[in-house]
């Protein structure tokens, strides 16, 4: 199995068609996890040139382990293209995750890849547009691409 390179595009087969994501880099803030961008839409085999994938609308950014997803056969390599511009990705996390006594947290942390986390308290303004920044299991990424959840 070859090692993933920045710009690599991977596909996940779903009942509706293929879903695609691109490897953008690593985030030392989250154990060196692989930052990916998932593109909107499903495509039939051969219906899109992977070099054109970076012009597709973005659904979300996430952090996962690409090599484990390959090993588990959750996705496969589809090609390589210039990575999309990702100069302002903002991730978020909270220590309140999983606390059944809280309906919502006022204890959020935000960061850009490879920068120190900053405590912001409640999510307001631009921070509300941040993406979940925990290191997601490859199965969770594949499930989200297949089901939307």
Protein backbone atom coordinates (compact mmCIF):
# COMPACT_ATOMS: atom_id res chain seq x y z
CA UNK A 1 0.00 0.00 0.00
CA UNK A 2 1.46 3.34 -0.99
CA UNK A 3 1.65 6.27 1.38
CA UNK A 4 -0.88 9.08 0.85
CA UNK A 5 0.49 12.30 -0.64
CA UNK A 6 -0.91 15.78 -0.27
CA UNK A 7 -3.40 16.32 -3.07
CA UNK A 8 -4.43 12.67 -3.24
CA UNK A 9 -8.13 12.20 -3.90
CA UNK A 10 -10.02 9.22 -2.50
CA UNK A 11 -13.45 7.84 -3.23
CA UNK A 12 -16.03 6.15 -1.06
CA UNK A 13 -18.62 4.03 -2.84
CA UNK A 14 -22.20 4.70 -1.77
CA UNK A 15 -25.56 3.45 -3.02
CA UNK A 16 -26.10 6.81 -4.74
CA UNK A 17 -22.65 6.92 -6.41
CA UNK A 18 -19.08 7.80 -5.49
CA UNK A 19 -18.23 10.45 -2.88
CA UNK A 20 -14.81 12.10 -2.99
CA UNK A 21 -12.40 13.71 -0.54
CA UNK A 22 -8.92 15.19 -0.85
CA UNK A 23 -5.95 14.95 1.51
CA UNK A 24 -4.72 18.45 2.40
CA UNK A 25 -2.08 17.89 5.09
CA UNK A 26 -1.63 16.94 8.72
CA UNK A 27 -2.68 18.65 11.94
CA UNK A 28 -0.19 18.36 14.80
CA UNK A 29 -2.90 19.71 17.11
CA UNK A 30 -4.81 16.44 16.63
CA UNK A 31 -2.11 13.77 16.90
CA UNK A 32 -0.82 14.44 13.38
CA UNK A 33 -4.16 13.36 11.88
CA UNK A 34 -4.79 13.81 8.18
CA UNK A 35 -6.83 16.87 7.21
CA UNK A 36 -9.34 16.12 4.46
CA UNK A 37 -11.87 18.13 2.51
CA UNK A 38 -15.05 16.37 1.45
CA UNK A 39 -16.74 17.55 -1.72
CA UNK A 40 -20.48 17.95 -2.21
CA UNK A 41 -22.33 15.49 -4.39
CA UNK A 42 -22.14 11.97 -5.69
CA UNK A 43 -20.73 10.95 -9.05
CA UNK A 44 -20.91 7.87 -11.26
CA UNK A 45 -17.69 6.10 -12.20
CA UNK A 46 -15.89 8.04 -14.91
CA UNK A 47 -18.31 10.97 -14.77
CA UNK A 48 -15.72 13.39 -13.37
CA UNK A 49 -12.03 13.94 -13.92
CA UNK A 50 -10.28 13.96 -10.53
CA UNK A 51 -8.22 16.96 -11.64
CA UNK A 52 -11.52 18.89 -11.74
CA UNK A 53 -12.53 17.72 -8.26
CA UNK A 54 -10.93 20.69 -6.52
CA UNK A 55 -13.41 22.99 -8.28
CA UNK A 56 -16.36 21.20 -6.66
CA UNK A 57 -18.22 22.80 -3.73
CA UNK A 58 -16.97 21.87 -0.25
CA UNK A 59 -19.22 19.99 2.15
CA UNK A 60 -16.90 19.87 5.17
CA UNK A 61 -13.35 19.53 6.49
CA UNK A 62 -12.36 16.76 8.91
CA UNK A 63 -9.37 15.06 10.52
CA UNK A 64 -8.93 11.30 10.17
CA UNK A 65 -6.35 8.59 9.42
CA UNK A 66 -6.29 7.95 5.67
CA UNK A 67 -3.99 4.92 5.82
CA UNK A 68 -6.31 3.12 8.25
CA UNK A 69 -9.32 3.79 5.99
CA UNK A 70 -7.36 2.31 3.08
CA UNK A 71 -6.39 -0.72 5.13
CA UNK A 72 -10.03 -1.20 6.18
CA UNK A 73 -11.07 -0.81 2.51
CA UNK A 74 -13.46 2.03 3.38
CA UNK A 75 -12.12 4.12 0.50
CA UNK A 76 -9.70 3.83 -2.38
CA UNK A 77 -7.26 6.09 -4.15
CA UNK A 78 -8.77 7.85 -7.18
CA UNK A 79 -5.93 10.15 -8.27
CA UNK A 80 -4.02 13.27 -7.35
CA UNK A 81 -4.67 16.94 -8.09
CA UNK A 82 -3.52 20.29 -6.85
CA UNK A 83 -4.93 20.63 -3.34
CA UNK A 84 -7.61 23.22 -2.80
CA UNK A 85 -6.70 26.46 -1.05
CA UNK A 86 -7.25 25.90 2.65
CA UNK A 87 -5.66 28.90 4.27
CA UNK A 88 -8.51 29.49 6.72
CA UNK A 89 -9.82 26.21 8.09
CA UNK A 90 -11.06 26.58 11.63
CA UNK A 91 -11.67 23.53 13.82
CA UNK A 92 -13.44 23.32 17.18
CA UNK A 93 -13.68 20.99 20.18
CA UNK A 94 -15.06 21.05 23.69
CA UNK A 95 -14.26 19.18 26.88
CA UNK A 96 -18.01 18.97 27.53
CA UNK A 97 -18.56 16.41 24.77
CA UNK A 98 -20.70 13.54 26.01
CA UNK A 99 -21.91 15.29 29.18
CA UNK A 100 -25.62 14.32 29.37
CA UNK A 101 -26.34 17.19 31.79
CA UNK A 102 -25.55 19.85 29.15
CA UNK A 103 -27.79 20.73 26.21
CA UNK A 104 -25.02 22.90 24.73
CA UNK A 105 -21.50 23.83 25.72
CA UNK A 106 -20.09 27.23 26.60
CA UNK A 107 -16.56 25.80 26.86
CA UNK A 108 -15.26 25.69 23.26
CA UNK A 109 -11.72 25.70 21.90
CA UNK A 110 -10.88 26.66 18.30
CA UNK A 111 -7.73 26.39 16.20
CA UNK A 112 -6.39 26.43 12.68
CA UNK A 113 -4.32 23.42 11.63
CA UNK A 114 -0.94 23.21 13.38
CA UNK A 115 -1.62 26.15 15.69
CA UNK A 116 -2.27 26.27 19.40
CA UNK A 117 -5.91 25.90 20.51
CA UNK A 118 -7.57 29.05 21.79
CA UNK A 119 -10.31 28.99 24.44
CA UNK A 120 -13.30 31.01 23.20
CA UNK A 121 -16.07 29.98 25.61
CA UNK A 122 -19.41 30.02 23.76
CA UNK A 123 -19.34 29.65 19.98
CA UNK A 124 -20.24 33.03 18.50
CA UNK A 125 -19.54 34.85 15.25
CA UNK A 126 -17.09 33.19 12.84
CA UNK A 127 -16.38 30.43 15.38
CA UNK A 128 -19.88 29.04 14.72
CA UNK A 129 -18.72 28.18 11.20
CA UNK A 130 -15.84 26.03 12.49
CA UNK A 131 -15.66 22.31 11.77
CA UNK A 132 -15.59 19.50 14.32
CA UNK A 133 -11.89 18.97 14.98
CA UNK A 134 -11.63 15.67 16.79
CA UNK A 135 -9.64 12.92 15.15
CA UNK A 136 -12.49 10.98 13.51
CA UNK A 137 -12.36 7.24 13.01
CA UNK A 138 -12.28 6.31 9.32
CA UNK A 139 -15.54 4.37 9.80
CA UNK A 140 -17.22 7.60 10.99
CA UNK A 141 -16.03 9.47 7.89
CA UNK A 142 -17.21 6.70 5.55
CA UNK A 143 -20.57 6.52 7.35
CA UNK A 144 -21.06 10.28 7.06
CA UNK A 145 -20.34 10.13 3.33
CA UNK A 146 -22.81 7.28 2.90
CA UNK A 147 -25.62 8.52 5.16
CA UNK A 148 -25.01 12.23 5.73
CA UNK A 149 -24.76 11.61 9.48
